[in-house]
Amino acid sequence: MSLEGPLAAEALAEALEGGGGAATASPPPPHCGLPLLPSPWPQAAAAAGGELPLKGLRIGVYDKWFDHASPAVVAACRAALAVLERCGAAVQPVVVPELEALRVAHSVTILSEMLHNFKERYDTPSLRSAFNADVRLALANARFWSPADYLQAQRIRARANVHFRRVLGQVHMIATPATPAPAPRIHPDALTGGESNLRQVSVVMRFMVAPNMLGLPAISLPVGMVPAEEDSPAAAAAGGGGGVMLPAGLQLIGRPLAEATLLRAGAVLEAALAKERQEAGPVGPAGTAGTAGTAGAGAAAVQSRCVPPLRLNPLTGERRGL
């Protein structure tokens, strides 16, 4: 379950970095029947102009799953989908069953494998104390699961693979919010003692479980700013919501070995959003134009509520002047 994922300022930069092999010039390995780099690669001008660089691309949306997020996040992600449609993509409804069973199987798998990897250290008192309290709590919970629980989780994993492969046979990718809500608050005490909040982890991971558990490629793209939740660090620093905005993201889950298709869609979406923000006018202080505002033409509507010219410690919410 341990997977590395690259981080880049934009999708095209990630492609040129060779993320997922997307920009390699060499032929694909024998087990890979898909071209690694779509040709031609869409330029920013294509998305910014009147062309349809994503014509023929099908994006699936399971509405019940997609809408299981805060209204502001859903609105920003729906607006981003509309931008993709204007770039030629077709958005169509799909159904993905047994997502709750997959979530439970994901938790059982991760914690069971953690306990297996660290069992010798955990069972040695002198070494166990090196773990933070939150890690010790997680490993203690995993001790109550049996080998049968782990095997059942893998059966659910296999079923989910069938469900997702079937859906991805109908569409090129599945769209969801990246997270159901803006960044949650991290309590200052967590900096030293860690924090065990299984409910919060479950919420934050809601849309990440499927690609992580099934090994499917996925990309998260910033699509706008949404009001901070009451328990977020920015909201706490402002004494509540206070007009503070935090980023929201759209996640695209692709077919196996189709990272390049995700990067292509991401590059087009970024260029189209940049063009629409430019047409809407400034939406934030210098240096924040790349992520400020909601997706598409609604960007100007949040001009008066964008992030104030302050630096905020993301862990404590402490205000720092520029």
Protein backbone atom coordinates (compact mmCIF):
# COMPACT_ATOMS: atom_id res chain seq x y z
CA MET A 1 0.00 0.00 0.00
CA SER A 2 3.03 2.32 0.07
CA LEU A 3 3.03 4.37 -3.14
CA GLU A 4 5.05 7.43 -4.13
CA GLY A 5 3.34 10.27 -5.94
CA PRO A 6 5.12 13.20 -7.58
CA LEU A 7 4.18 16.82 -6.87
CA ALA A 8 4.52 19.59 -9.44
CA ALA A 9 3.37 23.16 -9.96
CA GLU A 10 1.44 22.21 -13.09
CA ALA A 11 0.48 19.12 -15.05
CA LEU A 12 2.74 19.83 -18.02
CA ALA A 13 5.75 20.25 -15.71
CA GLU A 14 4.95 16.90 -14.14
CA ALA A 15 4.74 15.29 -17.57
CA LEU A 16 8.14 16.68 -18.51
CA GLU A 17 9.52 15.40 -15.21
CA GLY A 18 8.52 11.96 -16.43
CA GLY A 19 5.75 11.36 -13.92
CA GLY A 20 4.41 7.87 -14.45
CA GLY A 21 6.66 7.53 -17.49
CA ALA A 22 4.43 10.00 -19.29
CA ALA A 23 7.18 11.92 -21.07
CA THR A 24 9.65 9.18 -21.85
CA ALA A 25 10.78 8.96 -25.44
CA SER A 26 11.61 5.26 -25.30
CA PRO A 27 8.99 2.70 -26.41
CA PRO A 28 6.68 1.32 -23.74
CA PRO A 29 7.69 -1.89 -21.94
CA PRO A 30 6.27 -5.18 -23.27
CA HIS A 31 3.57 -5.37 -20.62
CA CYS A 32 2.27 -1.88 -21.47
CA GLY A 33 -0.04 -1.82 -24.45
CA LEU A 34 -0.86 1.89 -24.20
CA PRO A 35 1.12 4.78 -25.68
CA LEU A 36 2.77 6.67 -22.83
CA LEU A 37 2.51 10.14 -24.36
CA PRO A 38 -0.58 11.33 -26.21
CA SER A 39 0.24 12.96 -29.50
CA PRO A 40 0.03 15.80 -29.99
CA TRP A 41 0.44 17.12 -26.45
CA PRO A 42 -2.08 19.96 -25.92
CA GLN A 43 -0.47 23.35 -25.65
CA ALA A 44 -1.80 26.01 -23.33
CA ALA A 45 -2.86 28.04 -26.35
CA ALA A 46 -5.13 25.22 -27.48
CA ALA A 47 -7.09 25.30 -24.24
CA ALA A 48 -7.08 29.08 -24.15
CA GLY A 49 -8.36 29.37 -27.70
CA GLY A 50 -11.47 28.11 -29.44
CA GLU A 51 -10.19 24.58 -30.10
CA LEU A 52 -11.50 21.45 -28.38
CA PRO A 53 -8.30 19.75 -27.18
CA LEU A 54 -10.24 17.17 -25.14
CA LYS A 55 -12.70 16.17 -27.85
CA GLY A 56 -13.44 12.46 -27.55
CA LEU A 57 -12.45 12.26 -23.87
CA ARG A 58 -15.13 10.70 -21.64
CA ILE A 59 -15.24 11.57 -17.94
CA GLY A 60 -17.45 9.59 -15.57
CA VAL A 61 -19.14 11.08 -12.51
CA TYR A 62 -20.88 9.01 -9.85
CA ASP A 63 -23.14 11.75 -8.50
CA LYS A 64 -23.84 10.13 -5.13
CA TRP A 65 -20.10 9.83 -4.50
CA PHE A 66 -19.11 13.16 -6.08
CA ASP A 67 -21.64 15.13 -4.01
CA HIS A 68 -20.52 13.58 -0.69
CA ALA A 69 -18.54 16.73 0.11
CA SER A 70 -19.13 20.25 1.37
CA PRO A 71 -21.40 22.33 -0.91
CA ALA A 72 -18.61 24.81 -1.66
CA VAL A 73 -16.18 22.07 -2.72
CA VAL A 74 -18.85 20.39 -4.86
CA ALA A 75 -19.67 23.70 -6.55
CA ALA A 76 -16.00 24.41 -7.35
CA CYS A 77 -15.50 20.91 -8.75
CA ARG A 78 -18.72 21.04 -10.78
CA ALA A 79 -17.55 24.33 -12.25
CA ALA A 80 -14.25 22.68 -13.21
CA LEU A 81 -16.16 19.86 -14.91
CA ALA A 82 -18.04 22.48 -16.91
CA VAL A 83 -14.69 23.91 -18.03
CA LEU A 84 -13.58 20.44 -19.16
CA GLU A 85 -16.82 20.12 -21.13
CA ARG A 86 -16.16 23.44 -22.84
CA CYS A 87 -12.76 22.02 -23.83
CA GLY A 88 -14.47 19.13 -25.60
CA ALA A 89 -14.72 16.44 -22.91
CA ALA A 90 -17.98 14.54 -22.44
CA VAL A 91 -19.13 14.14 -18.83
CA GLN A 92 -21.46 11.18 -18.29
CA PRO A 93 -23.02 9.50 -15.23
CA VAL A 94 -21.58 6.24 -13.93
CA VAL A 95 -22.23 4.01 -10.91
CA VAL A 96 -19.46 2.53 -8.74
CA PRO A 97 -20.83 0.03 -6.18
CA GLU A 98 -19.50 -1.09 -2.78
CA LEU A 99 -17.44 2.03 -2.01
CA GLU A 100 -18.10 1.80 1.74
CA ALA A 101 -16.85 -1.81 1.80
CA LEU A 102 -13.74 -0.65 -0.06
CA ARG A 103 -13.13 2.08 2.54
CA VAL A 104 -13.21 -0.46 5.39
CA ALA A 105 -11.01 -2.89 3.46
CA HIS A 106 -8.54 -0.07 2.83
CA SER A 107 -8.24 0.67 6.56
CA VAL A 108 -7.83 -3.00 7.45
CA THR A 109 -5.17 -3.47 4.77
CA ILE A 110 -3.09 -0.42 5.64
CA LEU A 111 -3.08 -0.95 9.41
CA SER A 112 -2.50 -4.70 9.11
CA GLU A 113 0.50 -4.13 6.86
CA MET A 114 1.81 -1.43 9.19
CA LEU A 115 1.61 -3.82 12.15
CA HIS A 116 3.30 -6.57 10.16
CA ASN A 117 6.17 -4.28 9.13
CA PHE A 118 6.71 -2.84 12.62
CA LYS A 119 5.69 -5.82 14.76
CA GLU A 120 9.18 -6.51 16.11
CA ARG A 121 9.64 -2.91 17.19
CA TYR A 122 6.11 -2.63 18.54
CA ASP A 123 6.52 -5.79 20.64
CA THR A 124 9.77 -4.47 22.15
CA PRO A 125 8.93 -1.93 24.90
CA SER A 126 12.22 -0.06 24.57
CA LEU A 127 11.62 0.43 20.85
CA ARG A 128 7.86 0.97 21.02
CA SER A 129 8.39 4.24 22.90
CA ALA A 130 10.06 5.69 19.79
CA PHE A 131 6.67 5.78 18.07
CA ASN A 132 4.36 8.74 18.61
CA ALA A 133 1.20 8.07 20.58
CA ASP A 134 -0.99 8.26 17.46
CA VAL A 135 1.07 5.56 15.72
CA ARG A 136 0.96 3.34 18.80
CA LEU A 137 -2.82 3.73 18.93
CA ALA A 138 -3.17 2.78 15.28
CA LEU A 139 -0.97 -0.29 15.69
CA ALA A 140 -2.84 -1.29 18.84
CA ASN A 141 -6.12 -1.22 16.92
CA ALA A 142 -4.65 -3.41 14.20
CA ARG A 143 -3.78 -6.13 16.73
CA PHE A 144 -7.50 -6.90 17.08
CA TRP A 145 -7.81 -7.86 13.42
CA SER A 146 -7.33 -11.47 12.43
CA PRO A 147 -5.73 -12.96 9.30
CA ALA A 148 -9.28 -13.71 8.17
CA ASP A 149 -10.08 -9.98 8.30
CA TYR A 150 -7.10 -9.23 6.07
CA LEU A 151 -8.08 -11.94 3.61
CA GLN A 152 -11.63 -10.60 3.46
CA ALA A 153 -10.25 -7.12 2.77
CA GLN A 154 -8.33 -8.53 -0.21
CA ARG A 155 -11.49 -10.19 -1.52
CA ILE A 156 -13.23 -6.82 -1.38
CA ARG A 157 -10.22 -5.30 -3.11
CA ALA A 158 -10.53 -7.82 -5.94
CA ARG A 159 -14.26 -7.07 -6.30
CA ALA A 160 -13.56 -3.34 -6.38
CA ASN A 161 -11.00 -3.88 -9.12
CA VAL A 162 -13.71 -5.51 -11.22
CA HIS A 163 -16.14 -2.65 -10.53
CA PHE A 164 -13.62 0.07 -11.44
CA ARG A 165 -12.30 -1.73 -14.51
CA ARG A 166 -15.88 -2.08 -15.74
CA VAL A 167 -16.57 1.64 -15.26
CA LEU A 168 -13.23 2.63 -16.78
CA GLY A 169 -14.16 0.54 -19.79
CA GLN A 170 -16.99 3.02 -20.39
CA VAL A 171 -15.07 6.24 -19.67
CA HIS A 172 -11.44 7.33 -19.79
CA MET A 173 -11.42 8.66 -16.23
CA ILE A 174 -13.59 9.19 -13.16
CA ALA A 175 -13.88 12.63 -11.55
CA THR A 176 -14.31 13.34 -7.84
CA PRO A 177 -13.36 16.15 -5.48
CA ALA A 178 -9.80 15.68 -4.20
CA THR A 179 -10.97 16.11 -0.60
CA PRO A 180 -14.51 16.59 0.74
CA ALA A 181 -13.65 19.81 2.60
CA PRO A 182 -10.84 22.36 2.91
CA ALA A 183 -7.78 21.56 5.02
CA PRO A 184 -8.78 20.71 8.61
CA ARG A 185 -7.22 22.28 11.63
CA ILE A 186 -4.17 20.58 13.15
CA HIS A 187 -4.05 21.15 16.89
CA PRO A 188 -0.77 22.75 18.09
CA ASP A 189 -0.20 19.86 20.52
CA ALA A 190 -0.08 17.49 17.55
CA LEU A 191 3.30 18.98 16.61
CA THR A 192 4.90 17.16 19.53
CA GLY A 193 2.52 14.36 20.52
CA GLY A 194 0.85 13.49 17.24
CA GLU A 195 -2.91 13.32 16.75
CA SER A 196 -5.29 10.38 16.50
CA ASN A 197 -8.50 11.41 14.76
CA LEU A 198 -9.77 8.47 12.77
CA ARG A 199 -12.97 10.25 11.77
CA GLN A 200 -11.06 13.17 10.30
CA VAL A 201 -8.64 10.87 8.48
CA SER A 202 -11.57 8.92 7.05
CA VAL A 203 -13.18 12.13 5.78
CA VAL A 204 -9.98 13.51 4.24
CA MET A 205 -9.23 10.17 2.55
CA ARG A 206 -12.77 9.64 1.23
CA PHE A 207 -11.93 10.08 -2.45
CA MET A 208 -8.31 8.86 -2.26
CA VAL A 209 -9.12 5.36 -1.02
CA ALA A 210 -10.05 3.86 -4.40
CA PRO A 211 -6.94 4.80 -6.44
CA ASN A 212 -4.66 4.08 -3.47
CA MET A 213 -6.17 0.65 -2.75
CA LEU A 214 -6.47 -0.38 -6.40
CA GLY A 215 -3.24 1.09 -7.75
CA LEU A 216 -5.00 3.31 -10.27
CA PRO A 217 -3.31 6.50 -11.48
CA ALA A 218 -4.89 9.70 -10.21
CA ILE A 219 -4.18 13.40 -10.35
CA SER A 220 -5.38 16.24 -8.13
CA LEU A 221 -5.72 19.71 -9.65
CA PRO A 222 -6.47 22.98 -7.82
CA VAL A 223 -9.74 24.38 -9.14
CA GLY A 224 -10.54 27.27 -6.84
CA MET A 225 -10.80 28.65 -3.33
CA VAL A 226 -13.63 27.85 -0.92
CA PRO A 227 -14.54 29.25 2.51
CA ALA A 228 -12.49 27.81 5.35
CA GLU A 229 -14.22 25.39 7.68
CA GLU A 230 -14.65 26.46 11.29
CA ASP A 231 -11.95 24.05 12.45
CA SER A 232 -9.35 24.99 9.83
CA PRO A 233 -6.13 26.79 10.86
CA ALA A 234 -6.93 29.83 8.74
CA ALA A 235 -10.44 30.08 10.16
CA ALA A 236 -9.14 29.71 13.71
CA ALA A 237 -6.62 32.50 13.13
CA ALA A 238 -9.38 34.73 11.79
CA GLY A 239 -11.70 33.94 14.68
CA GLY A 240 -14.03 31.73 12.64
CA GLY A 241 -14.63 31.59 8.90
CA GLY A 242 -13.84 35.30 8.59
CA GLY A 243 -13.89 35.32 4.79
CA VAL A 244 -10.68 33.26 4.65
CA MET A 245 -10.46 31.02 1.59
CA LEU A 246 -8.64 27.70 1.24
CA PRO A 247 -7.92 25.68 -1.92
CA ALA A 248 -10.21 22.99 -3.30
CA GLY A 249 -9.12 20.35 -5.79
CA LEU A 250 -10.58 18.09 -8.46
CA GLN A 251 -9.36 14.49 -8.64
CA LEU A 252 -9.25 12.53 -11.88
CA ILE A 253 -8.84 8.73 -11.62
CA GLY A 254 -7.61 7.06 -14.78
CA ARG A 255 -7.17 3.67 -16.35
CA PRO A 256 -4.10 1.57 -15.46
CA LEU A 257 -0.95 2.86 -17.18
CA ALA A 258 -2.84 5.87 -18.54
CA GLU A 259 -1.05 8.57 -16.55
CA ALA A 260 -0.42 10.56 -19.72
CA THR A 261 -4.15 10.88 -20.38
CA LEU A 262 -4.63 12.33 -16.90
CA LEU A 263 -1.76 14.76 -17.39
CA ARG A 264 -3.19 15.82 -20.74
CA ALA A 265 -6.58 16.60 -19.19
CA GLY A 266 -4.88 18.36 -16.29
CA ALA A 267 -2.78 20.56 -18.56
CA VAL A 268 -5.83 21.61 -20.56
CA LEU A 269 -7.88 22.32 -17.43
CA GLU A 270 -5.11 24.44 -15.93
CA ALA A 271 -4.75 26.49 -19.11
CA ALA A 272 -8.50 26.97 -19.47
CA LEU A 273 -8.90 28.03 -15.83
CA ALA A 274 -6.00 30.46 -16.17
CA LYS A 275 -7.64 32.01 -19.23
CA GLU A 276 -11.01 32.38 -17.50
CA ARG A 277 -9.38 33.90 -14.41
CA GLN A 278 -7.55 36.35 -16.63
CA GLU A 279 -10.78 37.35 -18.34
CA ALA A 280 -12.51 37.75 -14.97
CA GLY A 281 -9.80 40.12 -13.75
CA PRO A 282 -7.64 40.05 -10.61
CA VAL A 283 -9.04 37.89 -7.82
CA GLY A 284 -6.40 38.12 -5.15
CA PRO A 285 -3.10 39.62 -4.01
CA ALA A 286 0.00 39.27 -6.13
CA GLY A 287 1.27 35.74 -6.28
CA THR A 288 -2.07 34.06 -5.65
CA ALA A 289 -3.67 34.38 -9.07
CA GLY A 290 -2.83 30.78 -9.88
CA THR A 291 -5.22 29.37 -7.29
CA ALA A 292 -7.53 32.17 -6.20
CA GLY A 293 -11.20 32.21 -7.06
CA THR A 294 -13.64 29.49 -7.99
CA ALA A 295 -13.33 27.64 -11.26
CA GLY A 296 -14.39 29.46 -14.39
CA ALA A 297 -16.28 32.72 -14.65
CA GLY A 298 -17.24 32.71 -10.96
CA ALA A 299 -13.69 33.68 -10.02
CA ALA A 300 -14.46 37.39 -9.73
CA ALA A 301 -17.28 36.72 -7.27
CA VAL A 302 -14.81 35.88 -4.50
CA GLN A 303 -12.53 38.86 -5.11
CA SER A 304 -13.50 40.50 -1.83
CA ARG A 305 -13.15 37.24 0.12
CA CYS A 306 -9.79 35.99 -1.09
CA VAL A 307 -6.85 35.14 1.17
CA PRO A 308 -5.72 38.24 3.09
CA PRO A 309 -2.13 39.46 2.65
CA LEU A 310 -0.87 37.44 5.61
CA ARG A 311 1.22 34.34 5.95
CA LEU A 312 -0.48 31.72 8.12
CA ASN A 313 1.33 28.86 9.80
CA PRO A 314 -0.56 25.86 8.29
CA LEU A 315 -0.23 23.87 11.51
CA THR A 316 -1.07 26.46 14.16
CA GLY A 317 -2.90 29.18 12.24
CA GLU A 318 -0.47 31.79 13.62
CA ARG A 319 -0.57 35.06 11.68
CA ARG A 320 2.64 36.36 10.17
CA GLY A 321 2.95 39.64 8.31
CA LEU A 322 4.31 39.66 4.77
